[in-house]
């Protein structure tokens, strides 16, 4: 299990760094300081957030297999005050 975790983290880090290098090769997009920050985040993103998104993805698949295919009803708030003023000619 530890070897698999290390392999996943290394492959994720390498993919992120490769994407950054390809973008930098296409043209200087970021100042050197920001490039350093992006390299740091390329490593850090593999601890926590990637696992969280994997859990969300798995939960979504479980909901799909259970037959839940619709989004939940969203309560509309609208722009009633703004629309009322627009009809009165205030805007």
N, C-alpha and C. Protein backbone atom coordinates (compact mmCIF):
# COMPACT_ATOMS: atom_id res chain seq x y z
N UNK A 1 0.83 -1.19 0.00
CA UNK A 1 0.00 0.00 0.00
C UNK A 1 0.87 1.25 0.00
N UNK A 2 1.98 1.19 0.73
CA UNK A 2 2.87 2.36 0.79
C UNK A 2 3.52 2.60 -0.58
N UNK A 3 3.91 1.53 -1.23
CA UNK A 3 4.53 1.67 -2.56
C UNK A 3 3.54 2.25 -3.57
N UNK A 4 2.28 1.83 -3.48
CA UNK A 4 1.26 2.37 -4.37
C UNK A 4 1.06 3.86 -4.11
N UNK A 5 1.01 4.25 -2.83
CA UNK A 5 0.85 5.66 -2.48
C UNK A 5 2.01 6.49 -3.02
N UNK A 6 3.22 5.99 -2.85
CA UNK A 6 4.40 6.70 -3.35
C UNK A 6 4.35 6.81 -4.87
N UNK A 7 3.96 5.74 -5.53
CA UNK A 7 3.87 5.76 -7.00
C UNK A 7 2.83 6.76 -7.47
N UNK A 8 1.69 6.82 -6.80
CA UNK A 8 0.62 7.74 -7.19
C UNK A 8 1.06 9.18 -6.98
N UNK A 9 1.69 9.46 -5.84
CA UNK A 9 2.15 10.82 -5.55
C UNK A 9 3.23 11.24 -6.55
N UNK A 10 4.17 10.34 -6.83
CA UNK A 10 5.22 10.68 -7.79
C UNK A 10 4.67 10.90 -9.19
N UNK A 11 3.75 10.05 -9.62
CA UNK A 11 3.20 10.24 -10.97
C UNK A 11 2.38 11.52 -11.05
N UNK A 12 1.61 11.82 -10.02
CA UNK A 12 0.84 13.07 -10.02
C UNK A 12 1.75 14.29 -10.03
N UNK A 13 2.83 14.23 -9.25
CA UNK A 13 3.78 15.33 -9.21
C UNK A 13 4.47 15.50 -10.56
N UNK A 14 4.88 14.40 -11.16
CA UNK A 14 5.55 14.48 -12.46
C UNK A 14 4.63 15.02 -13.54
N UNK A 15 3.38 14.63 -13.52
CA UNK A 15 2.42 15.14 -14.51
C UNK A 15 2.22 16.64 -14.33
N UNK A 16 2.09 17.10 -13.08
CA UNK A 16 1.90 18.52 -12.83
C UNK A 16 3.13 19.33 -13.24
N UNK A 17 4.30 18.83 -12.91
CA UNK A 17 5.54 19.53 -13.28
C UNK A 17 5.72 19.53 -14.80
N UNK A 18 5.39 18.42 -15.45
CA UNK A 18 5.50 18.37 -16.91
C UNK A 18 4.55 19.38 -17.56
N UNK A 19 3.34 19.50 -17.03
CA UNK A 19 2.39 20.48 -17.57
C UNK A 19 2.92 21.90 -17.40
N UNK A 20 3.52 22.18 -16.26
CA UNK A 20 4.09 23.50 -16.02
C UNK A 20 5.26 23.76 -16.97
N UNK A 21 6.10 22.76 -17.18
CA UNK A 21 7.24 22.93 -18.09
C UNK A 21 6.78 23.14 -19.53
N UNK A 22 5.75 22.44 -19.95
CA UNK A 22 5.22 22.62 -21.30
C UNK A 22 4.67 24.04 -21.46
N UNK A 23 3.95 24.52 -20.45
CA UNK A 23 3.42 25.88 -20.51
C UNK A 23 4.54 26.91 -20.54
N UNK A 24 5.58 26.69 -19.75
CA UNK A 24 6.71 27.62 -19.72
C UNK A 24 7.50 27.56 -21.04
N UNK A 25 7.57 26.40 -21.65
CA UNK A 25 8.29 26.26 -22.91
C UNK A 25 7.56 27.01 -24.03
N UNK A 26 6.24 27.07 -23.96
CA UNK A 26 5.44 27.75 -24.97
C UNK A 26 5.67 29.26 -24.91
N UNK A 27 6.07 29.76 -23.79
CA UNK A 27 6.32 31.19 -23.62
C UNK A 27 6.35 31.52 -22.15
N UNK A 28 7.14 32.48 -21.79
CA UNK A 28 7.28 32.85 -20.37
C UNK A 28 5.93 33.40 -19.88
N UNK A 29 5.19 32.55 -19.16
CA UNK A 29 3.87 32.94 -18.68
C UNK A 29 3.92 33.54 -17.29
N UNK A 30 4.86 33.09 -16.48
CA UNK A 30 4.88 33.50 -15.08
C UNK A 30 6.25 34.05 -14.72
N UNK A 31 6.29 34.98 -13.78
CA UNK A 31 7.59 35.40 -13.25
C UNK A 31 8.26 34.22 -12.55
N UNK A 32 9.60 34.24 -12.44
CA UNK A 32 10.30 33.11 -11.81
C UNK A 32 9.80 32.79 -10.40
N UNK A 33 9.45 33.81 -9.64
CA UNK A 33 8.95 33.57 -8.27
C UNK A 33 7.65 32.77 -8.31
N UNK A 34 6.75 33.13 -9.23
CA UNK A 34 5.49 32.40 -9.34
C UNK A 34 5.71 30.98 -9.85
N UNK A 35 6.68 30.80 -10.74
CA UNK A 35 6.99 29.46 -11.23
C UNK A 35 7.46 28.58 -10.08
N UNK A 36 8.26 29.14 -9.18
CA UNK A 36 8.69 28.39 -8.00
C UNK A 36 7.52 28.01 -7.12
N UNK A 37 6.59 28.93 -6.95
CA UNK A 37 5.39 28.62 -6.16
C UNK A 37 4.57 27.51 -6.82
N UNK A 38 4.45 27.59 -8.14
CA UNK A 38 3.69 26.55 -8.85
C UNK A 38 4.37 25.19 -8.72
N UNK A 39 5.68 25.17 -8.73
CA UNK A 39 6.40 23.90 -8.53
C UNK A 39 6.13 23.34 -7.14
N UNK A 40 6.10 24.22 -6.14
CA UNK A 40 5.78 23.77 -4.78
C UNK A 40 4.37 23.21 -4.72
N UNK A 41 3.42 23.91 -5.34
CA UNK A 41 2.04 23.43 -5.34
C UNK A 41 1.88 22.14 -6.15
N UNK A 42 2.73 21.94 -7.15
CA UNK A 42 2.69 20.69 -7.92
C UNK A 42 2.96 19.50 -7.03
N UNK A 43 3.76 19.70 -5.99
CA UNK A 43 4.04 18.62 -5.04
C UNK A 43 2.93 18.55 -3.99
N UNK A 44 2.55 19.71 -3.44
CA UNK A 44 1.59 19.73 -2.33
C UNK A 44 0.18 19.30 -2.73
N UNK A 45 -0.20 19.53 -4.01
CA UNK A 45 -1.55 19.18 -4.43
C UNK A 45 -1.81 17.68 -4.36
N UNK A 46 -0.76 16.90 -4.31
CA UNK A 46 -0.92 15.45 -4.27
C UNK A 46 -1.21 14.91 -2.88
N UNK A 47 -1.20 15.77 -1.89
CA UNK A 47 -1.48 15.36 -0.51
C UNK A 47 -2.75 16.04 -0.04
N UNK A 48 -3.85 15.33 -0.07
CA UNK A 48 -5.09 15.86 0.49
C UNK A 48 -6.14 16.19 -0.55
N UNK A 49 -5.91 17.22 -1.35
CA UNK A 49 -6.96 17.68 -2.25
C UNK A 49 -7.27 16.65 -3.33
N UNK A 50 -6.26 15.97 -3.82
CA UNK A 50 -6.50 14.95 -4.85
C UNK A 50 -7.30 13.79 -4.27
N UNK A 51 -7.00 13.39 -3.04
CA UNK A 51 -7.74 12.32 -2.39
C UNK A 51 -9.18 12.75 -2.12
N UNK A 52 -9.36 14.02 -1.74
CA UNK A 52 -10.70 14.55 -1.48
C UNK A 52 -11.54 14.50 -2.75
N UNK A 53 -10.97 14.94 -3.87
CA UNK A 53 -11.71 14.91 -5.13
C UNK A 53 -12.00 13.48 -5.57
N UNK A 54 -11.11 12.55 -5.26
CA UNK A 54 -11.36 11.14 -5.58
C UNK A 54 -12.55 10.62 -4.78
N UNK A 55 -12.65 11.02 -3.51
CA UNK A 55 -13.81 10.62 -2.70
C UNK A 55 -15.10 11.21 -3.26
N UNK A 56 -15.07 12.47 -3.66
CA UNK A 56 -16.26 13.08 -4.26
C UNK A 56 -16.66 12.37 -5.55
N UNK A 57 -15.67 12.01 -6.35
CA UNK A 57 -15.94 11.30 -7.59
C UNK A 57 -16.56 9.94 -7.31
N UNK A 58 -16.02 9.23 -6.30
CA UNK A 58 -16.56 7.91 -5.94
C UNK A 58 -17.99 8.04 -5.42
N UNK A 59 -18.25 9.07 -4.61
CA UNK A 59 -19.61 9.29 -4.10
C UNK A 59 -20.57 9.58 -5.25
N UNK A 60 -20.11 10.32 -6.24
CA UNK A 60 -20.94 10.60 -7.41
C UNK A 60 -21.28 9.34 -8.18
N UNK A 61 -20.30 8.46 -8.35
CA UNK A 61 -20.56 7.19 -9.03
C UNK A 61 -21.55 6.34 -8.25
N UNK A 62 -21.41 6.31 -6.93
CA UNK A 62 -22.36 5.54 -6.11
C UNK A 62 -23.77 6.07 -6.27
N UNK A 63 -23.92 7.41 -6.27
CA UNK A 63 -25.25 7.99 -6.47
C UNK A 63 -25.80 7.62 -7.84
N UNK A 64 -24.95 7.62 -8.85
CA UNK A 64 -25.39 7.27 -10.19
C UNK A 64 -25.86 5.82 -10.25
N UNK A 65 -25.09 4.92 -9.62
CA UNK A 65 -25.47 3.50 -9.64
C UNK A 65 -26.74 3.25 -8.84
N UNK A 66 -27.04 4.10 -7.86
CA UNK A 66 -28.28 3.97 -7.10
C UNK A 66 -29.48 4.50 -7.89
N UNK A 67 -29.22 5.17 -8.99
CA UNK A 67 -30.30 5.67 -9.82
C UNK A 67 -30.60 7.15 -9.64
N UNK A 68 -29.84 7.83 -8.81
CA UNK A 68 -30.04 9.27 -8.63
C UNK A 68 -29.32 9.96 -9.78
N UNK A 69 -30.10 10.46 -10.74
CA UNK A 69 -29.49 11.07 -11.92
C UNK A 69 -29.79 12.55 -12.05
N UNK A 70 -30.55 13.11 -11.13
CA UNK A 70 -30.91 14.52 -11.21
C UNK A 70 -30.21 15.31 -10.12
N UNK A 71 -30.04 16.58 -10.37
CA UNK A 71 -29.50 17.46 -9.35
C UNK A 71 -30.59 17.77 -8.36
N UNK A 72 -30.19 18.19 -7.18
CA UNK A 72 -31.18 18.58 -6.18
C UNK A 72 -31.82 19.89 -6.60
N UNK A 73 -33.04 20.12 -6.11
CA UNK A 73 -33.77 21.34 -6.45
C UNK A 73 -33.05 22.55 -5.85
N UNK A 74 -32.73 23.50 -6.69
CA UNK A 74 -32.06 24.72 -6.23
C UNK A 74 -33.12 25.78 -5.95
N UNK A 75 -33.01 26.40 -4.80
CA UNK A 75 -33.95 27.46 -4.45
C UNK A 75 -33.53 28.74 -5.17
N UNK A 76 -34.47 29.31 -5.91
CA UNK A 76 -34.17 30.53 -6.66
C UNK A 76 -34.38 31.75 -5.77
N UNK A 77 -33.42 32.64 -5.83
CA UNK A 77 -33.54 33.88 -5.07
C UNK A 77 -33.89 35.03 -5.99
N UNK A 78 -33.31 35.04 -7.15
CA UNK A 78 -33.64 36.04 -8.15
C UNK A 78 -33.15 37.43 -7.83
N UNK A 79 -33.59 38.36 -8.66
CA UNK A 79 -33.24 39.76 -8.52
C UNK A 79 -34.53 40.57 -8.47
N UNK A 80 -35.42 40.22 -7.58
CA UNK A 80 -36.74 40.85 -7.54
C UNK A 80 -36.65 42.36 -7.34
N UNK A 81 -35.81 42.82 -6.45
CA UNK A 81 -35.70 44.26 -6.20
C UNK A 81 -35.19 44.99 -7.42
N UNK A 82 -34.18 44.47 -8.06
CA UNK A 82 -33.61 45.12 -9.23
C UNK A 82 -34.60 45.11 -10.39
N UNK A 83 -35.30 43.98 -10.57
CA UNK A 83 -36.27 43.90 -11.66
C UNK A 83 -37.44 44.85 -11.44
N UNK A 84 -37.87 45.01 -10.20
CA UNK A 84 -38.97 45.93 -9.90
C UNK A 84 -38.55 47.36 -10.21
N UNK A 85 -37.34 47.74 -9.85
CA UNK A 85 -36.85 49.09 -10.14
C UNK A 85 -36.72 49.30 -11.64
N UNK A 86 -36.29 48.28 -12.37
CA UNK A 86 -36.12 48.40 -13.82
C UNK A 86 -37.48 48.62 -14.49
N UNK A 87 -38.52 47.94 -14.00
CA UNK A 87 -39.85 48.11 -14.58
C UNK A 87 -40.41 49.50 -14.27
N UNK A 88 -40.03 50.05 -13.12
CA UNK A 88 -40.51 51.39 -12.75
C UNK A 88 -39.72 52.48 -13.47
N UNK A 89 -38.67 52.12 -14.16
CA UNK A 89 -37.87 53.10 -14.87
C UNK A 89 -36.80 53.73 -14.02
N UNK A 90 -36.52 53.17 -12.85
CA UNK A 90 -35.53 53.75 -11.95
C UNK A 90 -34.11 53.44 -12.41
N UNK A 91 -33.94 52.39 -13.19
CA UNK A 91 -32.58 52.03 -13.64
C UNK A 91 -32.45 52.34 -15.10
